[in-house]
């Protein structure tokens, strides 16, 4: 009986390990780079594919996924005492809103379709150069 329980438990563990994606999480980059996407069209397109994508594991590198989730957090909540990475992502948001208005509008449509974040956080966004 104990062998049967051990066999069943082992099979369950193996099944769980097999189903889990190979890359379960992204490690944050040592230094977040928001300048490459603003200086290279290819890097910009890669970052935006990640920002708009639903499957981070297929389309995102660690830098792009960090930009995506920090930007989403800044859109939703802003920041009280911003970290260096949050300030960098504000710089990327300012680039989008001032230089790539169509892309910026798509970001807002995806992450703030009702406009509630815009109305709540517009003052802070403006302080960081983000056009609202």
C-alpha atoms as a PDB file:
ATOM      1  CA  UNK A   1       0.000   0.000   0.000  1.00  0.00           C
ATOM      2  CA  UNK A   2       2.809   2.425   0.873  1.00  0.00           C
ATOM      3  CA  UNK A   3       4.457   1.694  -2.495  1.00  0.00           C
ATOM      4  CA  UNK A   4       1.234   2.550  -4.257  1.00  0.00           C
ATOM      5  CA  UNK A   5       0.980   5.877  -2.382  1.00  0.00           C
ATOM      6  CA  UNK A   6       4.616   6.636  -3.168  1.00  0.00           C
ATOM      7  CA  UNK A   7       4.034   5.831  -6.835  1.00  0.00           C
ATOM      8  CA  UNK A   8       0.935   8.047  -7.005  1.00  0.00           C
ATOM      9  CA  UNK A   9       2.716  10.930  -5.229  1.00  0.00           C
ATOM     10  CA  UNK A  10       5.724  10.619  -7.543  1.00  0.00           C
ATOM     11  CA  UNK A  11       3.495  10.608 -10.610  1.00  0.00           C
ATOM     12  CA  UNK A  12       1.688  13.737  -9.378  1.00  0.00           C
ATOM     13  CA  UNK A  13       4.982  15.570  -8.825  1.00  0.00           C
ATOM     14  CA  UNK A  14       6.254  14.598 -12.262  1.00  0.00           C
ATOM     15  CA  UNK A  15       3.006  15.717 -13.882  1.00  0.00           C
ATOM     16  CA  UNK A  16       3.158  19.079 -12.100  1.00  0.00           C
ATOM     17  CA  UNK A  17       6.761  19.609 -13.191  1.00  0.00           C
ATOM     18  CA  UNK A  18       5.932  18.673 -16.780  1.00  0.00           C
ATOM     19  CA  UNK A  19       2.989  21.112 -17.039  1.00  0.00           C
ATOM     20  CA  UNK A  20       4.877  24.099 -15.594  1.00  0.00           C
ATOM     21  CA  UNK A  21       6.453  26.344 -18.258  1.00  0.00           C
ATOM     22  CA  UNK A  22      10.227  26.138 -18.537  1.00  0.00           C
ATOM     23  CA  UNK A  23      10.636  29.842 -17.756  1.00  0.00           C
ATOM     24  CA  UNK A  24       8.405  30.295 -14.732  1.00  0.00           C
ATOM     25  CA  UNK A  25       9.459  33.890 -14.138  1.00  0.00           C
ATOM     26  CA  UNK A  26      11.642  36.645 -15.466  1.00  0.00           C
ATOM     27  CA  UNK A  27      14.589  37.952 -13.539  1.00  0.00           C
ATOM     28  CA  UNK A  28      14.654  41.733 -13.542  1.00  0.00           C
ATOM     29  CA  UNK A  29      17.514  43.059 -15.633  1.00  0.00           C
ATOM     30  CA  UNK A  30      20.503  44.305 -13.656  1.00  0.00           C
ATOM     31  CA  UNK A  31      20.074  47.705 -15.304  1.00  0.00           C
ATOM     32  CA  UNK A  32      16.738  48.608 -16.875  1.00  0.00           C
ATOM     33  CA  UNK A  33      17.296  50.011 -20.367  1.00  0.00           C
ATOM     34  CA  UNK A  34      14.589  52.351 -21.632  1.00  0.00           C
ATOM     35  CA  UNK A  35      16.912  54.137 -24.046  1.00  0.00           C
ATOM     36  CA  UNK A  36      17.371  51.316 -26.577  1.00  0.00           C
ATOM     37  CA  UNK A  37      13.647  51.203 -27.443  1.00  0.00           C
ATOM     38  CA  UNK A  38      13.654  54.972 -27.984  1.00  0.00           C
ATOM     39  CA  UNK A  39      16.753  54.898 -30.217  1.00  0.00           C
ATOM     40  CA  UNK A  40      16.192  51.755 -32.286  1.00  0.00           C
ATOM     41  CA  UNK A  41      13.010  50.973 -34.200  1.00  0.00           C
ATOM     42  CA  UNK A  42      13.659  47.225 -33.893  1.00  0.00           C
ATOM     43  CA  UNK A  43      14.087  47.460 -30.107  1.00  0.00           C
ATOM     44  CA  UNK A  44      11.001  49.688 -29.930  1.00  0.00           C
ATOM     45  CA  UNK A  45       8.901  47.157 -31.862  1.00  0.00           C
ATOM     46  CA  UNK A  46      10.146  44.316 -29.640  1.00  0.00           C
ATOM     47  CA  UNK A  47       9.211  46.284 -26.519  1.00  0.00           C
ATOM     48  CA  UNK A  48       5.782  47.231 -27.855  1.00  0.00           C
ATOM     49  CA  UNK A  49       5.095  43.624 -28.932  1.00  0.00           C
ATOM     50  CA  UNK A  50       5.699  42.709 -25.288  1.00  0.00           C
ATOM     51  CA  UNK A  51       3.601  45.605 -23.944  1.00  0.00           C
ATOM     52  CA  UNK A  52       0.632  44.600 -26.095  1.00  0.00           C
ATOM     53  CA  UNK A  53       1.179  40.849 -25.903  1.00  0.00           C
ATOM     54  CA  UNK A  54      -0.663  38.503 -23.608  1.00  0.00           C
ATOM     55  CA  UNK A  55       2.008  35.790 -23.471  1.00  0.00           C
ATOM     56  CA  UNK A  56       5.169  37.239 -21.908  1.00  0.00           C
ATOM     57  CA  UNK A  57       7.079  33.990 -22.333  1.00  0.00           C
ATOM     58  CA  UNK A  58       6.833  34.060 -26.121  1.00  0.00           C
ATOM     59  CA  UNK A  59       7.424  37.710 -26.957  1.00  0.00           C
ATOM     60  CA  UNK A  60       9.270  39.377 -24.069  1.00  0.00           C
ATOM     61  CA  UNK A  61      12.834  39.618 -22.901  1.00  0.00           C
ATOM     62  CA  UNK A  62      13.489  40.556 -19.271  1.00  0.00           C
ATOM     63  CA  UNK A  63      13.978  44.244 -20.104  1.00  0.00           C
ATOM     64  CA  UNK A  64      10.724  44.522 -22.071  1.00  0.00           C
ATOM     65  CA  UNK A  65       8.671  42.663 -19.493  1.00  0.00           C
ATOM     66  CA  UNK A  66      10.065  44.939 -16.764  1.00  0.00           C
ATOM     67  CA  UNK A  67       9.063  48.015 -18.773  1.00  0.00           C
ATOM     68  CA  UNK A  68       5.617  46.504 -19.343  1.00  0.00           C
ATOM     69  CA  UNK A  69       4.814  45.771 -15.710  1.00  0.00           C
ATOM     70  CA  UNK A  70       6.394  48.901 -14.266  1.00  0.00           C
ATOM     71  CA  UNK A  71       4.477  50.986 -16.819  1.00  0.00           C
ATOM     72  CA  UNK A  72       1.228  49.213 -15.984  1.00  0.00           C
ATOM     73  CA  UNK A  73       1.828  49.869 -12.272  1.00  0.00           C
ATOM     74  CA  UNK A  74       2.642  53.543 -12.919  1.00  0.00           C
ATOM     75  CA  UNK A  75      -0.459  53.928 -15.066  1.00  0.00           C
ATOM     76  CA  UNK A  76      -2.650  52.393 -12.404  1.00  0.00           C
ATOM     77  CA  UNK A  77      -1.143  53.673  -9.162  1.00  0.00           C
ATOM     78  CA  UNK A  78       1.635  56.146  -9.898  1.00  0.00           C
ATOM     79  CA  UNK A  79       4.361  56.211  -7.272  1.00  0.00           C
ATOM     80  CA  UNK A  80       4.892  58.121  -4.061  1.00  0.00           C
ATOM     81  CA  UNK A  81       8.666  57.946  -3.871  1.00  0.00           C
ATOM     82  CA  UNK A  82       9.643  56.628  -7.279  1.00  0.00           C
ATOM     83  CA  UNK A  83      12.476  54.152  -7.662  1.00  0.00           C
ATOM     84  CA  UNK A  84      15.154  54.671 -10.316  1.00  0.00           C
ATOM     85  CA  UNK A  85      13.461  52.082 -12.539  1.00  0.00           C
ATOM     86  CA  UNK A  86      10.078  53.786 -12.174  1.00  0.00           C
ATOM     87  CA  UNK A  87      11.641  57.123 -13.151  1.00  0.00           C
ATOM     88  CA  UNK A  88      13.190  55.449 -16.194  1.00  0.00           C
ATOM     89  CA  UNK A  89       9.828  54.020 -17.228  1.00  0.00           C
ATOM     90  CA  UNK A  90       8.215  57.454 -16.775  1.00  0.00           C
ATOM     91  CA  UNK A  91      10.872  58.656 -19.255  1.00  0.00           C
ATOM     92  CA  UNK A  92       9.782  55.901 -21.669  1.00  0.00           C
ATOM     93  CA  UNK A  93       6.120  56.873 -21.164  1.00  0.00           C
ATOM     94  CA  UNK A  94       7.024  60.519 -21.886  1.00  0.00           C
ATOM     95  CA  UNK A  95       8.772  59.403 -25.075  1.00  0.00           C
ATOM     96  CA  UNK A  96       5.676  57.479 -26.135  1.00  0.00           C
ATOM     97  CA  UNK A  97       3.212  60.232 -25.335  1.00  0.00           C
ATOM     98  CA  UNK A  98       5.274  62.973 -26.991  1.00  0.00           C
ATOM     99  CA  UNK A  99       6.762  61.139 -29.976  1.00  0.00           C
ATOM    100  CA  UNK A 100       4.626  58.074 -30.663  1.00  0.00           C
ATOM    101  CA  UNK A 101       1.098  59.303 -29.949  1.00  0.00           C
ATOM    102  CA  UNK A 102      -0.638  56.410 -31.752  1.00  0.00           C
ATOM    103  CA  UNK A 103       1.317  53.850 -29.738  1.00  0.00           C
ATOM    104  CA  UNK A 104       0.651  55.820 -26.545  1.00  0.00           C
ATOM    105  CA  UNK A 105      -3.075  55.875 -27.300  1.00  0.00           C
ATOM    106  CA  UNK A 106      -3.010  52.095 -27.812  1.00  0.00           C
ATOM    107  CA  UNK A 107      -1.270  51.674 -24.430  1.00  0.00           C
ATOM    108  CA  UNK A 108      -3.944  53.793 -22.760  1.00  0.00           C
ATOM    109  CA  UNK A 109      -6.726  51.914 -24.557  1.00  0.00           C
ATOM    110  CA  UNK A 110      -5.321  48.586 -23.393  1.00  0.00           C
ATOM    111  CA  UNK A 111      -4.439  49.422 -19.788  1.00  0.00           C
ATOM    112  CA  UNK A 112      -6.928  52.228 -19.041  1.00  0.00           C
ATOM    113  CA  UNK A 113      -9.943  51.762 -21.325  1.00  0.00           C
ATOM    114  CA  UNK A 114     -12.308  53.738 -19.064  1.00  0.00           C
ATOM    115  CA  UNK A 115      -9.821  56.574 -18.485  1.00  0.00           C
ATOM    116  CA  UNK A 116      -9.938  56.285 -14.692  1.00  0.00           C
ATOM    117  CA  UNK A 117      -6.134  56.085 -14.332  1.00  0.00           C
ATOM    118  CA  UNK A 118      -5.741  59.132 -16.580  1.00  0.00           C
ATOM    119  CA  UNK A 119      -8.024  61.246 -14.451  1.00  0.00           C
ATOM    120  CA  UNK A 120      -6.551  60.008 -11.167  1.00  0.00           C
ATOM    121  CA  UNK A 121      -2.845  60.187 -12.082  1.00  0.00           C
ATOM    122  CA  UNK A 122      -2.658  62.869 -14.792  1.00  0.00           C
ATOM    123  CA  UNK A 123      -0.951  65.425 -12.542  1.00  0.00           C
ATOM    124  CA  UNK A 124       1.860  63.021 -11.642  1.00  0.00           C
ATOM    125  CA  UNK A 125       2.260  61.921 -15.247  1.00  0.00           C
ATOM    126  CA  UNK A 126       2.604  65.559 -16.323  1.00  0.00           C
ATOM    127  CA  UNK A 127       5.277  66.127 -13.656  1.00  0.00           C
ATOM    128  CA  UNK A 128       7.315  63.431 -15.387  1.00  0.00           C
ATOM    129  CA  UNK A 129       6.808  64.831 -18.891  1.00  0.00           C
ATOM    130  CA  UNK A 130       4.015  62.484 -19.939  1.00  0.00           C
ATOM    131  CA  UNK A 131       1.477  64.183 -22.208  1.00  0.00           C
ATOM    132  CA  UNK A 132      -2.055  63.406 -21.096  1.00  0.00           C
END
